[in-house]
């Protein structure tokens, strides 16, 4: 799942990623696959320091216990205004690695798989609504076109008059 996220971030212009992992070998494999970006390895022991330096923290582990809870993030330094002053935790892990209590910390927002499903559903609903609107526009324009086309049949008669 982490590779897929990196691929998406690269497609959106990301050029530097810090990966906190148990082994540098895993990060070396990522570096080999994604040669156009800077991938920095940090050991798991540096996780909270890295989180304090990041605007966005993406969690994708198989840990059975949460890695980030309110008490872990409450004292992290503030983030800059270029990200609306909010630190984002995006948890795509199952089970979850970021506790929902993280949302209680000021200027922090945590999203998990369920939140992402809601976003997908809302986007799908919006696309469906826009498709219906487009169909109505097409139907109206089709009527205008057919009226114009039908009027062409009368042009020769009018010319003869």
N, C-alpha and C. Protein backbone atom coordinates (compact mmCIF):
# COMPACT_ATOMS: atom_id res chain seq x y z
N UNK A 1 0.84 -1.19 0.00
CA UNK A 1 0.00 0.00 0.00
C UNK A 1 0.88 1.25 0.00
N UNK A 2 2.00 1.20 0.70
CA UNK A 2 2.90 2.35 0.76
C UNK A 2 3.43 2.73 -0.62
N UNK A 3 3.75 1.74 -1.45
CA UNK A 3 4.23 2.02 -2.80
C UNK A 3 3.18 2.76 -3.61
N UNK A 4 1.94 2.34 -3.48
CA UNK A 4 0.85 2.98 -4.21
C UNK A 4 0.71 4.44 -3.80
N UNK A 5 0.84 4.70 -2.51
CA UNK A 5 0.75 6.08 -2.01
C UNK A 5 1.90 6.91 -2.56
N UNK A 6 3.11 6.36 -2.53
CA UNK A 6 4.26 7.09 -3.05
C UNK A 6 4.07 7.38 -4.53
N UNK A 7 3.60 6.40 -5.28
CA UNK A 7 3.36 6.60 -6.71
C UNK A 7 2.38 7.75 -6.94
N UNK A 8 1.32 7.78 -6.14
CA UNK A 8 0.33 8.86 -6.26
C UNK A 8 0.95 10.21 -5.89
N UNK A 9 1.69 10.26 -4.80
CA UNK A 9 2.32 11.52 -4.38
C UNK A 9 3.28 12.04 -5.45
N UNK A 10 4.04 11.15 -6.05
CA UNK A 10 4.96 11.53 -7.13
C UNK A 10 4.18 12.10 -8.30
N UNK A 11 3.05 11.48 -8.64
CA UNK A 11 2.25 11.96 -9.77
C UNK A 11 1.68 13.35 -9.50
N UNK A 12 1.59 13.71 -8.22
CA UNK A 12 1.07 15.03 -7.84
C UNK A 12 2.18 16.04 -7.59
N UNK A 13 3.42 15.65 -7.88
CA UNK A 13 4.53 16.60 -7.81
C UNK A 13 5.40 16.50 -6.57
N UNK A 14 5.17 15.54 -5.72
CA UNK A 14 5.99 15.37 -4.53
C UNK A 14 7.40 14.96 -4.95
N UNK A 15 8.42 15.59 -4.37
CA UNK A 15 9.79 15.30 -4.74
C UNK A 15 10.64 14.81 -3.57
N UNK A 16 10.08 14.85 -2.36
CA UNK A 16 10.85 14.45 -1.17
C UNK A 16 9.92 13.77 -0.17
N UNK A 17 10.31 12.58 0.27
CA UNK A 17 9.51 11.80 1.22
C UNK A 17 10.44 11.25 2.29
N UNK A 18 10.00 11.34 3.52
CA UNK A 18 10.72 10.72 4.63
C UNK A 18 9.96 9.45 4.98
N UNK A 19 10.67 8.33 4.98
CA UNK A 19 10.06 7.05 5.31
C UNK A 19 10.66 6.56 6.62
N UNK A 20 9.77 6.37 7.59
CA UNK A 20 10.18 5.81 8.88
C UNK A 20 9.87 4.32 8.80
N UNK A 21 10.91 3.50 9.01
CA UNK A 21 10.72 2.07 8.84
C UNK A 21 11.68 1.33 9.76
N UNK A 22 11.38 0.05 9.97
CA UNK A 22 12.26 -0.78 10.80
C UNK A 22 13.57 -1.11 10.09
N UNK A 23 13.54 -1.16 8.75
CA UNK A 23 14.75 -1.56 8.04
C UNK A 23 15.04 -0.64 6.87
N UNK A 24 16.29 -0.34 6.70
CA UNK A 24 16.72 0.50 5.58
C UNK A 24 16.57 -0.26 4.26
N UNK A 25 16.59 -1.59 4.32
CA UNK A 25 16.47 -2.39 3.11
C UNK A 25 15.13 -2.13 2.41
N UNK A 26 14.07 -1.99 3.19
CA UNK A 26 12.76 -1.70 2.62
C UNK A 26 12.78 -0.35 1.91
N UNK A 27 13.45 0.62 2.51
CA UNK A 27 13.54 1.95 1.92
C UNK A 27 14.43 1.92 0.67
N UNK A 28 15.47 1.11 0.70
CA UNK A 28 16.34 0.98 -0.49
C UNK A 28 15.56 0.44 -1.68
N UNK A 29 14.64 -0.49 -1.44
CA UNK A 29 13.80 -1.01 -2.52
C UNK A 29 12.95 0.12 -3.09
N UNK A 30 12.40 0.96 -2.21
CA UNK A 30 11.61 2.11 -2.67
C UNK A 30 12.47 3.07 -3.47
N UNK A 31 13.67 3.33 -3.00
CA UNK A 31 14.59 4.24 -3.70
C UNK A 31 14.90 3.72 -5.11
N UNK A 32 15.07 2.41 -5.21
CA UNK A 32 15.36 1.81 -6.51
C UNK A 32 14.18 1.98 -7.47
N UNK A 33 12.98 1.86 -6.95
CA UNK A 33 11.79 1.97 -7.79
C UNK A 33 11.45 3.43 -8.13
N UNK A 34 11.69 4.34 -7.19
CA UNK A 34 11.34 5.75 -7.37
C UNK A 34 12.61 6.59 -7.39
N UNK A 35 13.32 6.54 -8.50
CA UNK A 35 14.62 7.19 -8.60
C UNK A 35 14.53 8.71 -8.77
N UNK A 36 13.37 9.21 -9.17
CA UNK A 36 13.23 10.64 -9.45
C UNK A 36 12.92 11.48 -8.23
N UNK A 37 12.75 10.85 -7.07
CA UNK A 37 12.45 11.61 -5.86
C UNK A 37 13.46 11.27 -4.77
N UNK A 38 13.55 12.17 -3.83
CA UNK A 38 14.44 11.95 -2.67
C UNK A 38 13.65 11.19 -1.60
N UNK A 39 14.11 10.01 -1.27
CA UNK A 39 13.49 9.22 -0.21
C UNK A 39 14.50 9.10 0.93
N UNK A 40 14.13 9.66 2.06
CA UNK A 40 15.01 9.71 3.22
C UNK A 40 14.57 8.64 4.22
N UNK A 41 15.51 7.83 4.65
CA UNK A 41 15.22 6.79 5.64
C UNK A 41 15.44 7.33 7.05
N UNK A 42 14.49 7.01 7.93
CA UNK A 42 14.63 7.29 9.36
C UNK A 42 14.21 6.04 10.12
N UNK A 43 14.96 5.67 11.16
CA UNK A 43 14.58 4.49 11.94
C UNK A 43 13.32 4.75 12.78
N UNK A 44 12.64 3.69 13.15
CA UNK A 44 11.40 3.79 13.90
C UNK A 44 11.57 4.62 15.18
N UNK A 45 12.72 4.57 15.77
CA UNK A 45 12.97 5.35 16.99
C UNK A 45 12.86 6.85 16.77
N UNK A 46 12.97 7.30 15.53
CA UNK A 46 12.87 8.73 15.20
C UNK A 46 11.46 9.13 14.78
N UNK A 47 10.49 8.23 14.94
CA UNK A 47 9.15 8.47 14.42
C UNK A 47 8.53 9.77 14.93
N UNK A 48 8.57 10.02 16.23
CA UNK A 48 7.92 11.22 16.78
C UNK A 48 8.66 12.49 16.36
N UNK A 49 9.96 12.42 16.26
CA UNK A 49 10.73 13.58 15.78
C UNK A 49 10.34 13.89 14.34
N UNK A 50 10.25 12.85 13.53
CA UNK A 50 9.85 13.03 12.12
C UNK A 50 8.43 13.58 12.03
N UNK A 51 7.53 13.08 12.88
CA UNK A 51 6.15 13.57 12.87
C UNK A 51 6.12 15.06 13.22
N UNK A 52 6.98 15.48 14.13
CA UNK A 52 7.03 16.89 14.51
C UNK A 52 7.55 17.78 13.40
N UNK A 53 8.29 17.22 12.46
CA UNK A 53 8.84 17.99 11.35
C UNK A 53 7.96 17.93 10.10
N UNK A 54 6.92 17.10 10.14
CA UNK A 54 6.10 16.87 8.94
C UNK A 54 4.78 17.62 9.00
N UNK A 55 4.28 17.98 7.81
CA UNK A 55 2.95 18.56 7.69
C UNK A 55 1.90 17.47 7.54
N UNK A 56 2.29 16.40 6.85
CA UNK A 56 1.40 15.28 6.60
C UNK A 56 2.11 14.01 7.04
N UNK A 57 1.42 13.22 7.85
CA UNK A 57 1.95 11.94 8.30
C UNK A 57 1.03 10.86 7.76
N UNK A 58 1.59 9.97 6.98
CA UNK A 58 0.80 8.87 6.43
C UNK A 58 1.25 7.59 7.12
N UNK A 59 0.29 6.87 7.67
CA UNK A 59 0.60 5.64 8.39
C UNK A 59 0.06 4.45 7.62
N UNK A 60 0.96 3.50 7.36
CA UNK A 60 0.58 2.30 6.63
C UNK A 60 1.39 1.14 7.18
N UNK A 61 1.01 0.68 8.37
CA UNK A 61 1.75 -0.42 9.00
C UNK A 61 0.79 -1.54 9.37
N UNK A 62 1.37 -2.62 9.85
CA UNK A 62 0.55 -3.73 10.33
C UNK A 62 0.55 -3.79 11.85
N UNK A 63 0.90 -2.70 12.48
CA UNK A 63 0.94 -2.65 13.94
C UNK A 63 -0.44 -2.92 14.52
N UNK A 64 -0.48 -3.71 15.57
CA UNK A 64 -1.74 -4.03 16.24
C UNK A 64 -2.16 -2.93 17.21
N UNK A 65 -1.25 -2.04 17.54
CA UNK A 65 -1.57 -0.96 18.49
C UNK A 65 -1.36 0.38 17.81
N UNK A 66 -2.13 1.39 18.22
CA UNK A 66 -1.98 2.72 17.62
C UNK A 66 -0.57 3.28 17.83
N UNK A 67 -0.06 3.91 16.80
CA UNK A 67 1.25 4.55 16.88
C UNK A 67 1.13 6.01 17.32
N UNK A 68 -0.02 6.62 17.03
CA UNK A 68 -0.25 8.02 17.36
C UNK A 68 -1.55 8.17 18.13
N UNK A 69 -1.44 8.67 19.34
CA UNK A 69 -2.59 8.99 20.18
C UNK A 69 -2.47 10.45 20.58
N UNK A 70 -3.50 10.97 21.18
CA UNK A 70 -3.53 12.39 21.58
C UNK A 70 -2.28 12.76 22.38
N UNK A 71 -1.94 11.93 23.35
CA UNK A 71 -0.78 12.24 24.20
C UNK A 71 0.54 12.23 23.45
N UNK A 72 0.57 11.58 22.30
CA UNK A 72 1.79 11.56 21.48
C UNK A 72 1.95 12.82 20.63
N UNK A 73 0.84 13.41 20.23
CA UNK A 73 0.92 14.50 19.26
C UNK A 73 0.63 15.88 19.85
N UNK A 74 0.14 15.93 21.08
CA UNK A 74 -0.27 17.21 21.67
C UNK A 74 0.91 18.19 21.77
N UNK A 75 2.10 17.69 21.97
CA UNK A 75 3.26 18.58 22.14
C UNK A 75 4.10 18.75 20.87
N UNK A 76 3.62 18.25 19.75
CA UNK A 76 4.36 18.44 18.50
C UNK A 76 4.35 19.92 18.13
N UNK A 77 5.43 20.41 17.53
CA UNK A 77 5.45 21.83 17.13
C UNK A 77 4.38 22.13 16.08
N UNK A 78 3.99 23.39 16.01
CA UNK A 78 2.99 23.82 15.03
C UNK A 78 3.52 23.69 13.62
N UNK A 79 2.60 23.54 12.68
CA UNK A 79 2.97 23.51 11.27
C UNK A 79 2.75 24.89 10.67
N UNK A 80 3.31 25.11 9.50
CA UNK A 80 3.24 26.43 8.87
C UNK A 80 1.91 26.72 8.21
N UNK A 81 1.72 27.98 7.83
CA UNK A 81 0.48 28.41 7.21
C UNK A 81 0.26 27.85 5.81
N UNK A 82 1.32 27.34 5.18
CA UNK A 82 1.19 26.82 3.82
C UNK A 82 0.32 25.56 3.77
N UNK A 83 0.02 24.96 4.90
CA UNK A 83 -0.90 23.82 4.96
C UNK A 83 -2.10 24.16 5.85
N UNK A 84 -2.47 25.43 5.80
CA UNK A 84 -3.62 25.94 6.57
C UNK A 84 -3.42 25.75 8.07
N UNK A 85 -2.19 25.62 8.51
CA UNK A 85 -1.90 25.51 9.93
C UNK A 85 -2.33 24.20 10.56
N UNK A 86 -2.66 23.21 9.75
CA UNK A 86 -3.11 21.92 10.30
C UNK A 86 -2.14 20.81 9.92
N UNK A 87 -1.82 19.98 10.89
CA UNK A 87 -1.03 18.78 10.63
C UNK A 87 -2.03 17.66 10.33
N UNK A 88 -1.80 16.97 9.24
CA UNK A 88 -2.70 15.91 8.82
C UNK A 88 -2.10 14.54 9.08
N UNK A 89 -2.90 13.68 9.68
CA UNK A 89 -2.55 12.28 9.86
C UNK A 89 -3.48 11.48 8.95
N UNK A 90 -2.92 10.73 8.03
CA UNK A 90 -3.71 9.91 7.13
C UNK A 90 -3.36 8.46 7.42
N UNK A 91 -4.33 7.74 7.93
CA UNK A 91 -4.11 6.38 8.39
C UNK A 91 -4.81 5.41 7.45
N UNK A 92 -4.01 4.72 6.64
CA UNK A 92 -4.59 3.73 5.74
C UNK A 92 -4.33 2.32 6.25
N UNK A 93 -3.99 2.22 7.52
CA UNK A 93 -3.69 0.93 8.13
C UNK A 93 -4.96 0.26 8.64
N UNK A 94 -4.92 -1.06 8.61
CA UNK A 94 -5.97 -1.86 9.24
C UNK A 94 -5.24 -2.93 10.03
N UNK A 95 -5.34 -2.93 11.36
CA UNK A 95 -6.12 -2.00 12.17
C UNK A 95 -5.49 -0.61 12.19
N UNK A 96 -6.24 0.33 12.70
CA UNK A 96 -5.82 1.73 12.68
C UNK A 96 -4.57 1.97 13.52
N UNK A 97 -3.73 2.88 13.00
CA UNK A 97 -2.51 3.27 13.70
C UNK A 97 -2.62 4.65 14.32
N UNK A 98 -3.65 5.41 13.95
CA UNK A 98 -3.85 6.76 14.48
C UNK A 98 -5.19 6.77 15.21
N UNK A 99 -5.14 7.04 16.50
CA UNK A 99 -6.38 7.07 17.28
C UNK A 99 -7.25 8.26 16.90
N UNK A 100 -8.56 8.08 16.95
CA UNK A 100 -9.47 9.19 16.64
C UNK A 100 -9.30 10.34 17.63
N UNK A 101 -8.75 10.06 18.81
CA UNK A 101 -8.51 11.11 19.81
C UNK A 101 -7.52 12.16 19.31
N UNK A 102 -6.75 11.86 18.26
CA UNK A 102 -5.81 12.83 17.69
C UNK A 102 -6.57 14.06 17.19
N UNK A 103 -7.82 13.85 16.76
CA UNK A 103 -8.63 14.98 16.29
C UNK A 103 -8.94 15.99 17.39
N UNK A 104 -8.75 15.62 18.64
CA UNK A 104 -9.00 16.53 19.75
C UNK A 104 -7.86 17.53 19.93
N UNK A 105 -6.73 17.29 19.28
CA UNK A 105 -5.58 18.18 19.38
C UNK A 105 -5.78 19.34 18.41
N UNK A 106 -5.59 20.56 18.93
CA UNK A 106 -5.77 21.75 18.11
C UNK A 106 -4.84 21.73 16.90
N UNK A 107 -5.38 22.14 15.76
CA UNK A 107 -4.63 22.23 14.49
C UNK A 107 -4.11 20.87 14.01
N UNK A 108 -4.86 19.84 14.34
CA UNK A 108 -4.52 18.49 13.90
C UNK A 108 -5.78 17.82 13.38
N UNK A 109 -5.64 17.10 12.28
CA UNK A 109 -6.79 16.38 11.73
C UNK A 109 -6.32 15.00 11.31
N UNK A 110 -7.06 13.99 11.74
CA UNK A 110 -6.73 12.61 11.39
C UNK A 110 -7.81 12.04 10.48
N UNK A 111 -7.38 11.39 9.43
CA UNK A 111 -8.29 10.71 8.50
C UNK A 111 -7.92 9.23 8.50
N UNK A 112 -8.93 8.38 8.42
CA UNK A 112 -8.67 6.95 8.35
C UNK A 112 -9.37 6.38 7.11
N UNK A 113 -9.29 5.08 6.97
CA UNK A 113 -9.85 4.42 5.79
C UNK A 113 -11.34 4.72 5.66
N UNK A 114 -12.06 4.72 6.78
CA UNK A 114 -13.51 5.00 6.73
C UNK A 114 -13.78 6.42 6.23
N UNK A 115 -12.97 7.39 6.68
CA UNK A 115 -13.13 8.77 6.21
C UNK A 115 -12.89 8.84 4.71
N UNK A 116 -11.88 8.13 4.24
CA UNK A 116 -11.57 8.14 2.82
C UNK A 116 -12.70 7.51 2.01
N UNK A 117 -13.34 6.48 2.56
CA UNK A 117 -14.48 5.87 1.89
C UNK A 117 -15.62 6.88 1.77
N UNK A 118 -15.82 7.69 2.81
CA UNK A 118 -16.86 8.72 2.77
C UNK A 118 -16.55 9.75 1.69
N UNK A 119 -15.29 10.14 1.56
CA UNK A 119 -14.89 11.10 0.54
C UNK A 119 -15.15 10.52 -0.85
N UNK A 120 -14.79 9.26 -1.04
CA UNK A 120 -15.02 8.60 -2.32
C UNK A 120 -16.51 8.56 -2.63
N UNK A 121 -17.33 8.21 -1.64
CA UNK A 121 -18.78 8.14 -1.84
C UNK A 121 -19.35 9.51 -2.19
N UNK A 122 -18.88 10.56 -1.49
CA UNK A 122 -19.36 11.92 -1.78
C UNK A 122 -18.95 12.34 -3.19
N UNK A 123 -17.72 12.04 -3.59
CA UNK A 123 -17.27 12.38 -4.94
C UNK A 123 -18.06 11.62 -5.99
N UNK A 124 -18.37 10.37 -5.71
CA UNK A 124 -19.15 9.56 -6.65
C UNK A 124 -20.55 10.15 -6.80
N UNK A 125 -21.14 10.54 -5.68
CA UNK A 125 -22.48 11.14 -5.72
C UNK A 125 -22.46 12.46 -6.50
N UNK A 126 -21.42 13.26 -6.29
CA UNK A 126 -21.29 14.53 -7.01
C UNK A 126 -21.14 14.29 -8.51
N UNK A 127 -20.33 13.30 -8.89
CA UNK A 127 -20.16 12.99 -10.32
C UNK A 127 -21.46 12.52 -10.93
N UNK A 128 -22.23 11.71 -10.20
CA UNK A 128 -23.52 11.24 -10.70
C UNK A 128 -24.47 12.41 -10.92
N UNK A 129 -24.51 13.35 -9.96
CA UNK A 129 -25.37 14.53 -10.08
C UNK A 129 -24.96 15.36 -11.30
N UNK A 130 -23.68 15.52 -11.51
CA UNK A 130 -23.19 16.30 -12.66
C UNK A 130 -23.49 15.58 -13.98
N UNK A 131 -23.44 14.26 -13.97
CA UNK A 131 -23.78 13.50 -15.17
C UNK A 131 -25.25 13.68 -15.53
N UNK A 132 -26.11 13.70 -14.53
CA UNK A 132 -27.53 13.92 -14.77
C UNK A 132 -27.76 15.33 -15.33
N UNK A 133 -27.06 16.32 -14.78
CA UNK A 133 -27.16 17.69 -15.29
C UNK A 133 -26.67 17.75 -16.74
N UNK A 134 -25.59 17.05 -17.03
CA UNK A 134 -25.06 17.03 -18.40
C UNK A 134 -26.05 16.39 -19.36
N UNK A 135 -26.70 15.33 -18.94
CA UNK A 135 -27.70 14.68 -19.78
C UNK A 135 -28.86 15.63 -20.09
N UNK A 136 -29.27 16.43 -19.11
CA UNK A 136 -30.36 17.40 -19.33
C UNK A 136 -29.92 18.46 -20.34
N UNK A 137 -28.68 18.93 -20.25
CA UNK A 137 -28.16 19.92 -21.20
C UNK A 137 -28.11 19.32 -22.60
N UNK A 138 -27.63 18.08 -22.69
CA UNK A 138 -27.55 17.41 -24.00
C UNK A 138 -28.94 17.26 -24.60
N UNK A 139 -29.92 16.86 -23.79
CA UNK A 139 -31.29 16.69 -24.29
C UNK A 139 -31.84 18.02 -24.82
N UNK A 140 -31.59 19.11 -24.11
CA UNK A 140 -32.06 20.44 -24.54
C UNK A 140 -31.38 20.87 -25.83
N UNK A 141 -30.09 20.68 -25.91
CA UNK A 141 -29.35 21.06 -27.12
C UNK A 141 -29.74 20.17 -28.30
N UNK A 142 -30.06 18.92 -28.02
CA UNK A 142 -30.52 18.03 -29.08
C UNK A 142 -31.83 18.54 -29.69
N UNK A 143 -32.73 19.03 -28.83
CA UNK A 143 -33.98 19.61 -29.33
C UNK A 143 -33.71 20.81 -30.23
N UNK A 144 -32.79 21.67 -29.81
CA UNK A 144 -32.44 22.86 -30.60
C UNK A 144 -31.85 22.43 -31.94
N UNK A 145 -30.95 21.44 -31.91
CA UNK A 145 -30.33 20.96 -33.13
C UNK A 145 -31.37 20.35 -34.07
N UNK A 146 -32.25 19.52 -33.53
CA UNK A 146 -33.27 18.88 -34.37
C UNK A 146 -34.21 19.91 -34.98
N UNK A 147 -34.55 20.95 -34.23
CA UNK A 147 -35.40 22.02 -34.78
C UNK A 147 -34.68 22.72 -35.92
N UNK A 148 -33.40 22.99 -35.75
CA UNK A 148 -32.61 23.63 -36.80
C UNK A 148 -32.54 22.72 -38.04
N UNK A 149 -32.26 21.43 -37.80
CA UNK A 149 -32.17 20.48 -38.91
C UNK A 149 -33.51 20.39 -39.65
N UNK A 150 -34.61 20.34 -38.91
CA UNK A 150 -35.93 20.28 -39.54
C UNK A 150 -36.23 21.54 -40.35
N UNK A 151 -35.71 22.67 -39.88
CA UNK A 151 -35.95 23.92 -40.61
C UNK A 151 -35.23 23.94 -41.95
N UNK A 152 -34.17 23.16 -42.07
CA UNK A 152 -33.44 23.11 -43.34
C UNK A 152 -34.30 22.54 -44.46
N UNK A 153 -35.23 21.70 -44.12
CA UNK A 153 -36.12 21.11 -45.13
C UNK A 153 -37.03 22.16 -45.76
N UNK A 154 -37.30 23.23 -45.07
CA UNK A 154 -38.20 24.27 -45.60
C UNK A 154 -37.47 25.32 -46.43
N UNK A 155 -36.14 25.35 -46.36
CA UNK A 155 -35.37 26.37 -47.09
C UNK A 155 -35.62 26.30 -48.60
N UNK A 156 -35.59 25.13 -49.24
CA UNK A 156 -35.85 25.10 -50.69
C UNK A 156 -37.24 25.62 -51.05
N UNK A 157 -38.23 25.31 -50.22
CA UNK A 157 -39.61 25.79 -50.49
C UNK A 157 -39.66 27.29 -50.39
N UNK A 158 -39.04 27.85 -49.38
CA UNK A 158 -39.04 29.30 -49.19
C UNK A 158 -38.33 29.98 -50.36
N UNK A 159 -37.26 29.41 -50.87
CA UNK A 159 -36.53 29.99 -51.98
C UNK A 159 -37.38 30.02 -53.25
N UNK A 160 -38.18 29.00 -53.44
CA UNK A 160 -39.04 28.95 -54.62
C UNK A 160 -40.11 30.02 -54.56
N UNK A 161 -40.52 30.44 -53.39
CA UNK A 161 -41.55 31.46 -53.27
C UNK A 161 -40.95 32.78 -53.65
